[in-house]
């Protein structure tokens, strides 16, 4: 026989007020503690007769997380007013709440994630070093944690196009800008305090100094900074008896920061972006 707050229930088991609170505790831990969203159900006290209306509130909390995770409501019953709440209903509610706890780091991206894109480009001839930086700031560490806990993440992408066909332009387009890997920063990196720094250099002998770099840095519990650096560091190579020639780059460069955030069943507070350096 299952005791108070213990599942699954079997035929003949007593239903205790702690059983309701046990389910509530699990789903509160997901919706409120982990995602930072409000719940509708309230804990019950000894002597309370659990009603269908109270189960409705619990079902709403479960479905809030369940929809965030799967894209739709759970299959738990909408109990009839004045009807009997069967052991199978109690078990199903607990199973659904446990599912949400187990899968709380999953989000149904098709309907439960929105996105916002920041982008920049260089289309005129360029040379030297160029840095594009955005800092993202949340009002509190709790808001930042909720943002990532609910499936939010950042994607940084760089690309090159319209090379003139010269050795230098092709190197920038094919071996640097289109070769550097897209970088993703999400909850795992945020929780671990992991920073990302990747660099892609040129492959043509006389241009090996040139590079693109992506940096993603957790500055604090409320701030993330993302930079994309282009550096045509080559100062030219002497090809004869004359002075070394440092050609401009005529390949177009582009970069984007795409911020994904929870929307729909679970909502979060987005960070404030601040553009602190431009190409």
Protein backbone atom coordinates (compact mmCIF):
# COMPACT_ATOMS: atom_id res chain seq x y z
CA UNK A 1 0.00 0.00 0.00
CA UNK A 2 1.36 3.39 -0.99
CA UNK A 3 1.73 5.89 1.84
CA UNK A 4 1.20 9.63 1.85
CA UNK A 5 2.93 11.27 -1.10
CA UNK A 6 4.04 7.90 -2.48
CA UNK A 7 3.15 6.66 -5.99
CA UNK A 8 1.86 4.70 -7.80
CA UNK A 9 -1.47 4.23 -6.09
CA UNK A 10 -3.20 0.86 -6.24
CA UNK A 11 -6.75 -0.29 -5.58
CA UNK A 12 -7.57 0.14 -1.90
CA UNK A 13 -5.01 2.89 -1.22
CA UNK A 14 -6.02 5.93 0.78
CA UNK A 15 -5.52 9.24 -0.98
CA UNK A 16 -3.82 11.75 1.30
CA UNK A 17 -3.59 15.50 1.04
CA UNK A 18 0.18 14.99 0.74
CA UNK A 19 -0.42 13.20 -2.56
CA UNK A 20 -1.73 16.39 -4.13
CA UNK A 21 1.13 18.36 -2.63
CA UNK A 22 3.67 15.81 -3.85
CA UNK A 23 2.54 16.28 -7.46
CA UNK A 24 2.43 20.04 -6.98
CA UNK A 25 5.96 20.05 -5.58
CA UNK A 26 7.30 18.29 -8.67
CA UNK A 27 5.66 20.60 -11.19
CA UNK A 28 6.43 23.70 -9.12
CA UNK A 29 10.08 22.72 -9.32
CA UNK A 30 9.88 22.88 -13.10
CA UNK A 31 7.50 25.76 -13.87
CA UNK A 32 8.35 28.08 -10.99
CA UNK A 33 11.81 27.17 -9.69
CA UNK A 34 13.45 26.23 -13.01
CA UNK A 35 11.59 28.36 -15.57
CA UNK A 36 10.60 31.26 -13.32
CA UNK A 37 6.94 31.21 -14.37
CA UNK A 38 3.86 31.51 -12.18
CA UNK A 39 1.83 28.49 -11.11
CA UNK A 40 -1.92 28.46 -10.50
CA UNK A 41 -2.31 25.63 -7.98
CA UNK A 42 -1.91 26.00 -4.22
CA UNK A 43 -0.82 23.48 -1.63
CA UNK A 44 -3.62 21.87 0.36
CA UNK A 45 -3.77 21.18 4.06
CA UNK A 46 -4.86 18.22 6.15
CA UNK A 47 -8.60 17.67 6.11
CA UNK A 48 -9.05 19.17 2.64
CA UNK A 49 -11.32 17.32 0.24
CA UNK A 50 -9.61 17.55 -3.13
CA UNK A 51 -11.98 18.86 -5.80
CA UNK A 52 -11.99 18.66 -9.58
CA UNK A 53 -11.38 22.43 -9.61
CA UNK A 54 -8.17 21.97 -7.63
CA UNK A 55 -7.09 19.20 -9.98
CA UNK A 56 -7.80 21.57 -12.90
CA UNK A 57 -5.32 24.05 -11.45
CA UNK A 58 -2.74 21.30 -11.08
CA UNK A 59 -3.43 20.11 -14.64
CA UNK A 60 -2.91 23.66 -15.94
CA UNK A 61 0.50 23.84 -14.27
CA UNK A 62 1.49 20.45 -15.66
CA UNK A 63 0.33 21.36 -19.15
CA UNK A 64 2.25 24.62 -19.07
CA UNK A 65 5.51 22.69 -18.78
CA UNK A 66 4.32 19.78 -20.92
CA UNK A 67 3.45 22.07 -23.83
CA UNK A 68 6.82 23.82 -23.54
CA UNK A 69 8.54 20.44 -23.77
CA UNK A 70 6.38 18.61 -26.34
CA UNK A 71 4.36 21.26 -28.16
CA UNK A 72 1.01 20.10 -26.76
CA UNK A 73 -0.92 19.27 -23.60
CA UNK A 74 -0.56 16.03 -21.71
CA UNK A 75 -3.21 13.33 -21.94
CA UNK A 76 -4.23 13.57 -18.27
CA UNK A 77 -7.98 13.76 -17.72
CA UNK A 78 -9.96 16.95 -17.27
CA UNK A 79 -11.92 15.72 -14.28
CA UNK A 80 -15.66 16.30 -14.04
CA UNK A 81 -17.00 18.53 -11.27
CA UNK A 82 -18.38 16.41 -8.45
CA UNK A 83 -17.01 13.22 -9.97
CA UNK A 84 -14.74 10.60 -8.46
CA UNK A 85 -11.00 11.11 -8.77
CA UNK A 86 -9.70 7.62 -9.41
CA UNK A 87 -6.31 6.17 -8.53
CA UNK A 88 -5.48 6.07 -12.23
CA UNK A 89 -6.00 9.83 -12.40
CA UNK A 90 -3.66 10.40 -9.48
CA UNK A 91 -1.04 8.15 -11.04
CA UNK A 92 -1.39 9.84 -14.43
CA UNK A 93 -0.99 13.32 -12.93
CA UNK A 94 2.12 12.23 -11.06
CA UNK A 95 3.56 10.53 -14.14
CA UNK A 96 3.00 13.67 -16.24
CA UNK A 97 4.62 15.88 -13.60
CA UNK A 98 7.60 13.51 -13.38
CA UNK A 99 7.92 13.57 -17.16
CA UNK A 100 8.21 17.35 -17.06
CA UNK A 101 10.88 17.16 -14.37
CA UNK A 102 12.90 14.59 -16.32
CA UNK A 103 12.65 16.53 -19.60
CA UNK A 104 12.74 20.11 -18.33
CA UNK A 105 15.82 20.90 -20.46
CA UNK A 106 13.92 20.01 -23.64
CA UNK A 107 11.91 22.58 -25.59
CA UNK A 108 9.64 22.08 -28.59
CA UNK A 109 11.43 24.51 -30.87
CA UNK A 110 8.85 24.62 -33.66
CA UNK A 111 6.27 26.49 -31.57
CA UNK A 112 7.87 27.27 -28.22
CA UNK A 113 10.99 29.18 -29.31
CA UNK A 114 11.14 32.62 -30.88
CA UNK A 115 14.23 34.30 -32.28
CA UNK A 116 15.76 37.71 -32.84
CA UNK A 117 18.63 38.38 -35.24
CA UNK A 118 21.40 40.98 -35.13
CA UNK A 119 23.66 41.25 -38.16
CA UNK A 120 26.48 43.25 -39.71
CA UNK A 121 28.54 43.26 -42.88
CA UNK A 122 31.54 44.70 -44.69
CA UNK A 123 30.92 45.25 -48.39
CA UNK A 124 33.48 47.92 -49.33
CA UNK A 125 37.17 47.13 -49.69
CA UNK A 126 38.71 46.69 -46.25
CA UNK A 127 41.96 46.01 -44.44
CA UNK A 128 43.31 45.79 -40.90
CA UNK A 129 41.37 44.72 -37.82
CA UNK A 130 37.60 45.05 -37.33
CA UNK A 131 35.62 44.01 -34.24
CA UNK A 132 31.83 43.67 -33.94
CA UNK A 133 30.60 43.30 -30.36
CA UNK A 134 27.27 42.97 -28.60
CA UNK A 135 26.79 42.71 -24.85
CA UNK A 136 23.58 41.12 -23.55
CA UNK A 137 22.49 42.03 -20.02
CA UNK A 138 19.72 40.62 -17.82
CA UNK A 139 18.29 42.51 -14.86
CA UNK A 140 19.19 39.71 -12.43
CA UNK A 141 21.00 36.39 -12.24
CA UNK A 142 17.63 34.69 -11.77
CA UNK A 143 16.31 36.11 -15.05
CA UNK A 144 19.47 35.04 -16.85
CA UNK A 145 19.23 31.52 -15.46
CA UNK A 146 15.52 31.24 -16.36
CA UNK A 147 16.32 32.37 -19.90
CA UNK A 148 18.79 29.54 -20.46
CA UNK A 149 16.89 26.97 -18.36
CA UNK A 150 13.84 27.44 -20.58
CA UNK A 151 15.86 26.58 -23.67
CA UNK A 152 17.24 29.95 -24.71
CA UNK A 153 20.53 30.02 -26.60
CA UNK A 154 22.70 32.09 -28.96
CA UNK A 155 24.05 31.18 -32.40
CA UNK A 156 26.93 33.11 -34.01
CA UNK A 157 27.52 32.67 -37.73
CA UNK A 158 30.05 34.21 -40.15
CA UNK A 159 30.14 34.05 -43.94
CA UNK A 160 31.95 35.48 -46.97
CA UNK A 161 30.84 36.17 -50.54
CA UNK A 162 31.57 38.03 -53.78
CA UNK A 163 35.31 37.31 -53.95
CA UNK A 164 36.99 38.97 -56.91
CA UNK A 165 38.78 35.70 -57.58
CA UNK A 166 42.18 36.92 -56.38
CA UNK A 167 44.26 34.63 -54.18
CA UNK A 168 43.71 36.84 -51.14
CA UNK A 169 39.98 37.29 -51.67
CA UNK A 170 39.45 33.57 -52.23
CA UNK A 171 41.44 32.79 -49.10
CA UNK A 172 39.24 35.08 -47.03
CA UNK A 173 36.04 33.77 -48.59
CA UNK A 174 36.73 30.03 -48.71
CA UNK A 175 39.35 29.35 -46.06
CA UNK A 176 38.42 31.85 -43.36
CA UNK A 177 34.91 33.35 -43.47
CA UNK A 178 33.08 30.30 -44.82
CA UNK A 179 35.31 27.86 -42.96
CA UNK A 180 34.97 29.11 -39.39
CA UNK A 181 32.43 26.95 -37.56
CA UNK A 182 29.10 28.33 -36.39
CA UNK A 183 29.15 28.65 -32.60
CA UNK A 184 26.27 27.90 -30.22
CA UNK A 185 26.05 29.03 -26.60
CA UNK A 186 23.31 27.59 -24.42
CA UNK A 187 22.40 26.39 -20.96
CA UNK A 188 25.27 23.92 -20.62
CA UNK A 189 27.85 26.62 -21.29
CA UNK A 190 26.07 29.20 -19.13
CA UNK A 191 25.78 26.87 -16.14
CA UNK A 192 29.42 25.78 -16.41
CA UNK A 193 30.68 29.32 -16.98
CA UNK A 194 32.27 28.13 -20.21
CA UNK A 195 33.64 30.72 -22.63
CA UNK A 196 34.04 30.09 -26.36
CA UNK A 197 36.92 31.37 -28.48
CA UNK A 198 37.56 29.95 -31.94
CA UNK A 199 39.90 31.25 -34.65
CA UNK A 200 40.17 30.40 -38.33
CA UNK A 201 43.36 31.41 -40.18
CA UNK A 202 44.11 31.75 -43.89
CA UNK A 203 45.47 28.78 -45.81
CA UNK A 204 47.43 30.55 -48.56
CA UNK A 205 51.12 30.83 -47.68
CA UNK A 206 51.48 34.59 -47.97
CA UNK A 207 48.26 35.23 -46.00
CA UNK A 208 48.61 32.84 -43.06
CA UNK A 209 48.46 35.74 -40.58
CA UNK A 210 44.87 36.67 -41.53
CA UNK A 211 42.09 35.36 -39.33
CA UNK A 212 38.51 35.51 -38.14
CA UNK A 213 37.74 34.97 -34.46
CA UNK A 214 34.48 34.37 -32.58
CA UNK A 215 34.47 35.06 -28.83
CA UNK A 216 31.54 34.36 -26.50
CA UNK A 217 32.25 35.32 -22.89
CA UNK A 218 30.17 35.03 -19.72
CA UNK A 219 31.23 38.26 -18.02
CA UNK A 220 29.06 37.72 -14.93
CA UNK A 221 25.85 36.09 -13.79
CA UNK A 222 23.90 38.75 -15.67
CA UNK A 223 26.00 39.48 -18.75
CA UNK A 224 27.16 37.75 -21.94
CA UNK A 225 29.45 39.37 -24.53
CA UNK A 226 29.80 38.20 -28.13
CA UNK A 227 32.49 39.48 -30.52
CA UNK A 228 33.37 38.65 -34.11
CA UNK A 229 36.85 39.84 -35.10
CA UNK A 230 38.22 40.12 -38.63
CA UNK A 231 41.94 40.81 -38.91
CA UNK A 232 43.66 41.19 -42.24
CA UNK A 233 46.95 41.08 -40.35
CA UNK A 234 49.15 40.46 -43.38
CA UNK A 235 51.20 43.60 -44.13
CA UNK A 236 52.21 42.47 -47.60
CA UNK A 237 54.92 40.36 -49.12
CA UNK A 238 57.73 41.53 -51.33
CA UNK A 239 57.35 40.02 -54.79
CA UNK A 240 60.33 41.70 -56.45
CA UNK A 241 62.75 44.49 -55.72
CA UNK A 242 59.97 46.92 -54.80
CA UNK A 243 58.17 47.46 -51.52
CA UNK A 244 55.86 44.82 -50.09
CA UNK A 245 52.26 45.15 -51.25
CA UNK A 246 49.36 44.78 -48.83
CA UNK A 247 46.23 44.38 -50.93
CA UNK A 248 42.81 45.34 -49.60
CA UNK A 249 40.23 42.62 -49.10
CA UNK A 250 37.39 42.82 -51.63
CA UNK A 251 35.47 39.82 -50.30
CA UNK A 252 32.26 40.77 -48.55
CA UNK A 253 32.09 39.66 -44.90
CA UNK A 254 28.91 39.10 -42.89
CA UNK A 255 28.13 38.00 -39.35
CA UNK A 256 24.98 37.37 -37.35
CA UNK A 257 23.97 36.70 -33.76
CA UNK A 258 20.67 34.86 -33.49
CA UNK A 259 19.12 34.82 -30.03
CA UNK A 260 16.55 32.08 -29.37
CA UNK A 261 14.12 32.49 -26.45
CA UNK A 262 11.20 30.64 -24.91
CA UNK A 263 7.75 31.85 -25.89
CA UNK A 264 4.25 30.41 -25.76
CA UNK A 265 3.57 28.23 -22.72
CA UNK A 266 6.67 29.42 -20.87
CA UNK A 267 7.84 33.00 -21.19
CA UNK A 268 11.12 34.58 -20.15
CA UNK A 269 12.62 38.05 -19.85
CA UNK A 270 14.98 38.76 -22.71
CA UNK A 271 18.34 40.46 -22.14
CA UNK A 272 19.03 44.01 -23.22
CA UNK A 273 21.48 44.09 -26.16
CA UNK A 274 24.14 46.78 -26.36
CA UNK A 275 26.26 47.30 -29.48
CA UNK A 276 29.71 48.33 -28.22
CA UNK A 277 31.89 47.90 -31.33
CA UNK A 278 31.29 47.82 -35.07
CA UNK A 279 33.13 46.64 -38.16
